[in-house]
């Protein structure tokens, strides 16, 4: 199964189980890109590394999709400093920790490697 089909299947799962996350996820254009280490987003696109995606189980893929859509939903992208800023790595980890905590609280966290 192709990367885009796997992501589409995860989005379909969200439609039935988590419509809020499904709506956010389907607003992003999914782009297969081996240049990204995992998944990433700019609020308009969700870039997916095909090799990383193939290593995920279906529940992990659903969790990673939820993780990515929460970044723009929470305004992380617009409050982050430019990538070249020395504090950006720390801020990125803080944003990831916040998102992962929210997913755990909502019982949506598979053991995703994000």
Protein backbone atom coordinates (compact mmCIF):
# COMPACT_ATOMS: atom_id res chain seq x y z
CA UNK A 1 0.00 0.00 0.00
CA UNK A 2 1.33 3.45 -0.86
CA UNK A 3 2.19 6.06 1.75
CA UNK A 4 -0.67 8.32 0.70
CA UNK A 5 -3.15 5.42 0.89
CA UNK A 6 -1.95 4.54 4.41
CA UNK A 7 -2.38 8.16 5.54
CA UNK A 8 -5.80 8.28 3.88
CA UNK A 9 -6.78 5.12 5.77
CA UNK A 10 -5.65 6.75 9.05
CA UNK A 11 -7.75 9.81 8.20
CA UNK A 12 -10.75 7.59 7.51
CA UNK A 13 -10.28 5.98 10.92
CA UNK A 14 -10.32 9.47 12.43
CA UNK A 15 -13.60 10.31 10.65
CA UNK A 16 -15.33 7.53 12.55
CA UNK A 17 -13.45 7.72 15.85
CA UNK A 18 -12.28 11.34 16.21
CA UNK A 19 -14.14 13.71 13.84
CA UNK A 20 -12.44 16.79 15.31
CA UNK A 21 -8.98 15.48 14.40
CA UNK A 22 -10.28 14.17 11.06
CA UNK A 23 -11.49 17.64 10.08
CA UNK A 24 -8.14 19.18 10.96
CA UNK A 25 -6.20 16.41 9.22
CA UNK A 26 -8.16 16.58 5.99
CA UNK A 27 -7.56 20.34 5.78
CA UNK A 28 -3.85 19.59 5.20
CA UNK A 29 -2.52 18.54 1.81
CA UNK A 30 -0.60 15.28 2.35
CA UNK A 31 2.74 15.25 0.54
CA UNK A 32 5.08 12.27 0.39
CA UNK A 33 8.61 13.60 0.99
CA UNK A 34 11.67 11.51 1.88
CA UNK A 35 13.47 14.76 2.79
CA UNK A 36 11.56 15.03 6.07
CA UNK A 37 12.71 12.68 8.85
CA UNK A 38 9.18 11.74 10.02
CA UNK A 39 6.01 13.79 9.55
CA UNK A 40 5.90 17.58 9.65
CA UNK A 41 3.51 20.41 8.86
CA UNK A 42 3.42 24.08 7.99
CA UNK A 43 -0.31 24.38 8.64
CA UNK A 44 -1.15 23.85 4.96
CA UNK A 45 0.73 20.63 4.17
CA UNK A 46 1.52 17.46 6.06
CA UNK A 47 4.80 16.07 4.76
CA UNK A 48 5.26 12.35 5.25
CA UNK A 49 8.51 10.45 5.03
CA UNK A 50 7.54 7.17 3.28
CA UNK A 51 10.16 5.06 5.07
CA UNK A 52 9.13 6.34 8.50
CA UNK A 53 5.45 5.95 7.64
CA UNK A 54 5.97 2.34 6.54
CA UNK A 55 7.50 1.57 9.95
CA UNK A 56 4.34 2.66 11.81
CA UNK A 57 1.45 0.49 12.89
CA UNK A 58 -2.03 1.77 12.03
CA UNK A 59 -2.67 3.10 15.59
CA UNK A 60 0.73 4.84 15.55
CA UNK A 61 -0.07 6.44 12.18
CA UNK A 62 -3.40 7.73 13.50
CA UNK A 63 -1.61 9.17 16.54
CA UNK A 64 1.06 10.84 14.40
CA UNK A 65 -1.63 12.43 12.22
CA UNK A 66 -3.32 13.78 15.35
CA UNK A 67 0.04 15.00 16.63
CA UNK A 68 0.76 16.95 13.45
CA UNK A 69 -2.64 18.65 13.23
CA UNK A 70 -2.42 19.86 16.82
CA UNK A 71 0.62 22.01 16.06
CA UNK A 72 -1.28 24.43 13.79
CA UNK A 73 -4.46 24.07 15.85
CA UNK A 74 -2.58 25.28 18.93
CA UNK A 75 -0.78 28.05 17.06
CA UNK A 76 2.67 26.55 17.52
CA UNK A 77 3.73 27.29 13.96
CA UNK A 78 3.04 30.98 14.23
CA UNK A 79 4.74 31.41 17.59
CA UNK A 80 7.93 29.54 16.77
CA UNK A 81 11.13 31.38 16.00
CA UNK A 82 12.85 30.92 12.66
CA UNK A 83 14.54 27.55 12.25
CA UNK A 84 17.95 29.19 12.41
CA UNK A 85 17.28 30.62 15.89
CA UNK A 86 19.35 28.88 18.64
CA UNK A 87 16.27 28.36 20.86
CA UNK A 88 14.19 26.71 18.15
CA UNK A 89 15.11 23.12 19.08
CA UNK A 90 14.05 23.68 22.68
CA UNK A 91 10.77 25.27 21.58
CA UNK A 92 10.09 22.44 19.15
CA UNK A 93 10.58 19.86 21.91
CA UNK A 94 8.30 21.85 24.22
CA UNK A 95 5.59 21.99 21.53
CA UNK A 96 5.96 18.23 20.89
CA UNK A 97 5.71 17.52 24.63
CA UNK A 98 2.55 19.61 24.92
CA UNK A 99 0.93 17.84 21.96
CA UNK A 100 1.93 14.38 23.21
CA UNK A 101 0.56 15.17 26.68
CA UNK A 102 -2.75 16.27 25.16
CA UNK A 103 -2.97 13.06 23.11
CA UNK A 104 -2.28 10.97 26.21
CA UNK A 105 -4.95 12.85 28.17
CA UNK A 106 -7.42 12.21 25.34
CA UNK A 107 -6.44 8.51 25.21
CA UNK A 108 -5.28 8.95 21.64
CA UNK A 109 -1.62 8.18 22.16
CA UNK A 110 -0.28 5.05 20.57
CA UNK A 111 3.40 4.44 21.12
CA UNK A 112 4.32 6.78 18.31
CA UNK A 113 7.92 7.70 17.66
CA UNK A 114 7.51 11.41 17.12
